[in-house]
Amino acid sequence: GAELVPAFVRLLRDAEAEVRAAAAGQVAAVCGAIGAADPAVATILPAVGELAADASPHVRSALAGVVMELAPGW
């Protein structure tokens, strides 16, 4: 669970766009698995914000595909 969050954040900030894109596509699943109320989610969200402005269109696309899953009930 939450103990894997630092490793996941490193993947979200990896130098390779393909790695960032793959991780971005799993953001909602990871946040759902650890629970939205878990403080560890707060360490993921800054990296997610960075991905929204990523230079790679593939990374931004992967994030766009899952970002609404982060806000259930909207």
N, C-alpha and C. Protein backbone atom coordinates (compact mmCIF):
# COMPACT_ATOMS: atom_id res chain seq x y z
N GLY A 1 0.78 -1.18 0.00
CA GLY A 1 0.00 0.00 0.00
C GLY A 1 0.84 1.26 0.00
N ALA A 2 0.66 2.02 1.05
CA ALA A 2 1.28 3.35 1.13
C ALA A 2 2.81 3.29 1.14
N GLU A 3 3.37 2.16 1.55
CA GLU A 3 4.84 2.06 1.57
C GLU A 3 5.45 2.05 0.17
N LEU A 4 4.64 1.80 -0.83
CA LEU A 4 5.13 1.79 -2.21
C LEU A 4 5.02 3.16 -2.89
N VAL A 5 4.40 4.12 -2.20
CA VAL A 5 4.17 5.44 -2.79
C VAL A 5 5.46 6.12 -3.22
N PRO A 6 6.53 6.13 -2.42
CA PRO A 6 7.76 6.80 -2.89
C PRO A 6 8.29 6.21 -4.21
N ALA A 7 8.20 4.91 -4.36
CA ALA A 7 8.65 4.28 -5.61
C ALA A 7 7.74 4.71 -6.77
N PHE A 8 6.44 4.79 -6.53
CA PHE A 8 5.51 5.21 -7.57
C PHE A 8 5.78 6.66 -7.98
N VAL A 9 6.04 7.52 -7.02
CA VAL A 9 6.35 8.93 -7.33
C VAL A 9 7.62 9.01 -8.17
N ARG A 10 8.61 8.16 -7.88
CA ARG A 10 9.83 8.15 -8.71
C ARG A 10 9.49 7.76 -10.15
N LEU A 11 8.57 6.83 -10.34
CA LEU A 11 8.16 6.45 -11.69
C LEU A 11 7.44 7.60 -12.39
N LEU A 12 6.62 8.33 -11.65
CA LEU A 12 5.92 9.48 -12.23
C LEU A 12 6.90 10.57 -12.67
N ARG A 13 8.08 10.60 -12.06
CA ARG A 13 9.08 11.63 -12.36
C ARG A 13 10.29 11.06 -13.11
N ASP A 14 10.15 9.86 -13.65
CA ASP A 14 11.25 9.21 -14.37
C ASP A 14 11.71 10.04 -15.57
N ALA A 15 12.97 9.88 -15.93
CA ALA A 15 13.53 10.61 -17.07
C ALA A 15 12.92 10.17 -18.40
N GLU A 16 12.44 8.94 -18.47
CA GLU A 16 11.88 8.40 -19.71
C GLU A 16 10.38 8.67 -19.80
N ALA A 17 9.96 9.28 -20.90
CA ALA A 17 8.55 9.61 -21.09
C ALA A 17 7.67 8.36 -21.08
N GLU A 18 8.17 7.25 -21.61
CA GLU A 18 7.38 6.02 -21.65
C GLU A 18 7.07 5.53 -20.24
N VAL A 19 8.02 5.66 -19.34
CA VAL A 19 7.81 5.25 -17.95
C VAL A 19 6.81 6.19 -17.28
N ARG A 20 6.96 7.49 -17.50
CA ARG A 20 6.01 8.45 -16.92
C ARG A 20 4.60 8.20 -17.44
N ALA A 21 4.47 7.90 -18.72
CA ALA A 21 3.16 7.65 -19.31
C ALA A 21 2.52 6.39 -18.70
N ALA A 22 3.30 5.34 -18.56
CA ALA A 22 2.77 4.11 -17.97
C ALA A 22 2.33 4.35 -16.53
N ALA A 23 3.14 5.07 -15.78
CA ALA A 23 2.78 5.37 -14.39
C ALA A 23 1.56 6.28 -14.33
N ALA A 24 1.50 7.27 -15.21
CA ALA A 24 0.37 8.20 -15.23
C ALA A 24 -0.94 7.46 -15.45
N GLY A 25 -0.90 6.44 -16.29
CA GLY A 25 -2.10 5.67 -16.57
C GLY A 25 -2.60 4.86 -15.38
N GLN A 26 -1.77 4.76 -14.34
CA GLN A 26 -2.13 3.98 -13.16
C GLN A 26 -2.40 4.85 -11.93
N VAL A 27 -2.38 6.17 -12.09
CA VAL A 27 -2.53 7.07 -10.95
C VAL A 27 -3.83 6.80 -10.19
N ALA A 28 -4.94 6.72 -10.88
CA ALA A 28 -6.23 6.52 -10.22
C ALA A 28 -6.26 5.17 -9.50
N ALA A 29 -5.71 4.14 -10.12
CA ALA A 29 -5.71 2.81 -9.51
C ALA A 29 -4.87 2.81 -8.24
N VAL A 30 -3.72 3.46 -8.28
CA VAL A 30 -2.84 3.49 -7.10
C VAL A 30 -3.51 4.28 -5.98
N CYS A 31 -4.06 5.45 -6.31
CA CYS A 31 -4.73 6.26 -5.29
C CYS A 31 -5.93 5.51 -4.72
N GLY A 32 -6.65 4.80 -5.57
CA GLY A 32 -7.79 4.02 -5.08
C GLY A 32 -7.36 2.87 -4.19
N ALA A 33 -6.22 2.26 -4.52
CA ALA A 33 -5.73 1.13 -3.74
C ALA A 33 -5.27 1.55 -2.34
N ILE A 34 -4.67 2.73 -2.25
CA ILE A 34 -4.18 3.14 -0.92
C ILE A 34 -5.25 3.90 -0.14
N GLY A 35 -6.28 4.36 -0.84
CA GLY A 35 -7.37 5.06 -0.17
C GLY A 35 -7.20 6.57 -0.22
N ALA A 36 -8.23 7.25 -0.65
CA ALA A 36 -8.16 8.70 -0.82
C ALA A 36 -7.85 9.44 0.48
N ALA A 37 -8.23 8.86 1.61
CA ALA A 37 -8.01 9.52 2.89
C ALA A 37 -6.59 9.32 3.41
N ASP A 38 -5.84 8.43 2.80
CA ASP A 38 -4.47 8.16 3.25
C ASP A 38 -3.58 9.36 2.97
N PRO A 39 -2.80 9.81 3.95
CA PRO A 39 -1.91 10.95 3.74
C PRO A 39 -0.90 10.73 2.61
N ALA A 40 -0.62 9.49 2.27
CA ALA A 40 0.33 9.19 1.20
C ALA A 40 -0.14 9.75 -0.14
N VAL A 41 -1.47 9.88 -0.32
CA VAL A 41 -2.00 10.43 -1.57
C VAL A 41 -1.47 11.85 -1.78
N ALA A 42 -1.28 12.59 -0.70
CA ALA A 42 -0.78 13.96 -0.80
C ALA A 42 0.63 14.00 -1.38
N THR A 43 1.38 12.93 -1.28
CA THR A 43 2.72 12.91 -1.88
C THR A 43 2.66 12.60 -3.37
N ILE A 44 1.58 11.99 -3.82
CA ILE A 44 1.42 11.66 -5.24
C ILE A 44 0.93 12.87 -6.03
N LEU A 45 0.03 13.64 -5.45
CA LEU A 45 -0.64 14.71 -6.20
C LEU A 45 0.30 15.77 -6.78
N PRO A 46 1.36 16.19 -6.10
CA PRO A 46 2.27 17.16 -6.75
C PRO A 46 2.90 16.60 -8.03
N ALA A 47 3.25 15.32 -8.02
CA ALA A 47 3.82 14.70 -9.22
C ALA A 47 2.79 14.63 -10.33
N VAL A 48 1.53 14.41 -9.97
CA VAL A 48 0.45 14.38 -10.96
C VAL A 48 0.31 15.75 -11.60
N GLY A 49 0.39 16.80 -10.80
CA GLY A 49 0.33 18.16 -11.32
C GLY A 49 1.44 18.44 -12.31
N GLU A 50 2.63 17.92 -12.02
CA GLU A 50 3.76 18.08 -12.94
C GLU A 50 3.48 17.39 -14.27
N LEU A 51 2.85 16.23 -14.22
CA LEU A 51 2.56 15.48 -15.44
C LEU A 51 1.57 16.21 -16.33
N ALA A 52 0.70 16.99 -15.74
CA ALA A 52 -0.27 17.74 -16.54
C ALA A 52 0.41 18.73 -17.47
N ALA A 53 1.63 19.13 -17.14
CA ALA A 53 2.39 20.06 -17.98
C ALA A 53 3.61 19.38 -18.60
N ASP A 54 3.61 18.06 -18.65
CA ASP A 54 4.75 17.31 -19.17
C ASP A 54 5.00 17.65 -20.64
N ALA A 55 6.27 17.63 -21.03
CA ALA A 55 6.64 17.92 -22.41
C ALA A 55 6.14 16.86 -23.39
N SER A 56 5.92 15.65 -22.91
CA SER A 56 5.49 14.56 -23.78
C SER A 56 3.97 14.51 -23.91
N PRO A 57 3.46 14.56 -25.14
CA PRO A 57 2.01 14.44 -25.30
C PRO A 57 1.48 13.07 -24.87
N HIS A 58 2.31 12.04 -24.92
CA HIS A 58 1.89 10.70 -24.51
C HIS A 58 1.64 10.66 -23.00
N VAL A 59 2.48 11.35 -22.26
CA VAL A 59 2.32 11.40 -20.81
C VAL A 59 1.03 12.16 -20.46
N ARG A 60 0.84 13.31 -21.10
CA ARG A 60 -0.37 14.10 -20.82
C ARG A 60 -1.62 13.33 -21.21
N SER A 61 -1.57 12.60 -22.31
CA SER A 61 -2.70 11.80 -22.76
C SER A 61 -3.02 10.68 -21.77
N ALA A 62 -1.99 10.01 -21.29
CA ALA A 62 -2.20 8.93 -20.31
C ALA A 62 -2.85 9.48 -19.05
N LEU A 63 -2.40 10.63 -18.61
CA LEU A 63 -2.97 11.25 -17.42
C LEU A 63 -4.42 11.68 -17.68
N ALA A 64 -4.66 12.26 -18.83
CA ALA A 64 -6.02 12.71 -19.16
C ALA A 64 -7.00 11.55 -19.15
N GLY A 65 -6.53 10.37 -19.52
CA GLY A 65 -7.40 9.20 -19.56
C GLY A 65 -7.87 8.72 -18.20
N VAL A 66 -7.17 9.12 -17.13
CA VAL A 66 -7.53 8.62 -15.80
C VAL A 66 -7.82 9.72 -14.78
N VAL A 67 -7.56 10.96 -15.14
CA VAL A 67 -7.64 12.03 -14.14
C VAL A 67 -9.03 12.18 -13.53
N MET A 68 -10.07 11.97 -14.29
CA MET A 68 -11.41 12.12 -13.74
C MET A 68 -11.75 11.03 -12.73
N GLU A 69 -11.05 9.92 -12.79
CA GLU A 69 -11.25 8.86 -11.81
C GLU A 69 -10.73 9.27 -10.43
N LEU A 70 -9.91 10.31 -10.40
CA LEU A 70 -9.39 10.81 -9.13
C LEU A 70 -10.44 11.63 -8.39
N ALA A 71 -11.48 12.05 -9.08
CA ALA A 71 -12.50 12.92 -8.49
C ALA A 71 -13.88 12.29 -8.61
N PRO A 72 -14.11 11.15 -7.95
CA PRO A 72 -15.44 10.53 -8.05
C PRO A 72 -16.50 11.44 -7.42
N GLY A 73 -17.64 11.47 -8.05
CA GLY A 73 -18.71 12.28 -7.52
C GLY A 73 -18.80 13.66 -8.15
N TRP A 74 -17.87 13.99 -9.03
CA TRP A 74 -17.92 15.29 -9.70
C TRP A 74 -18.89 15.24 -10.82
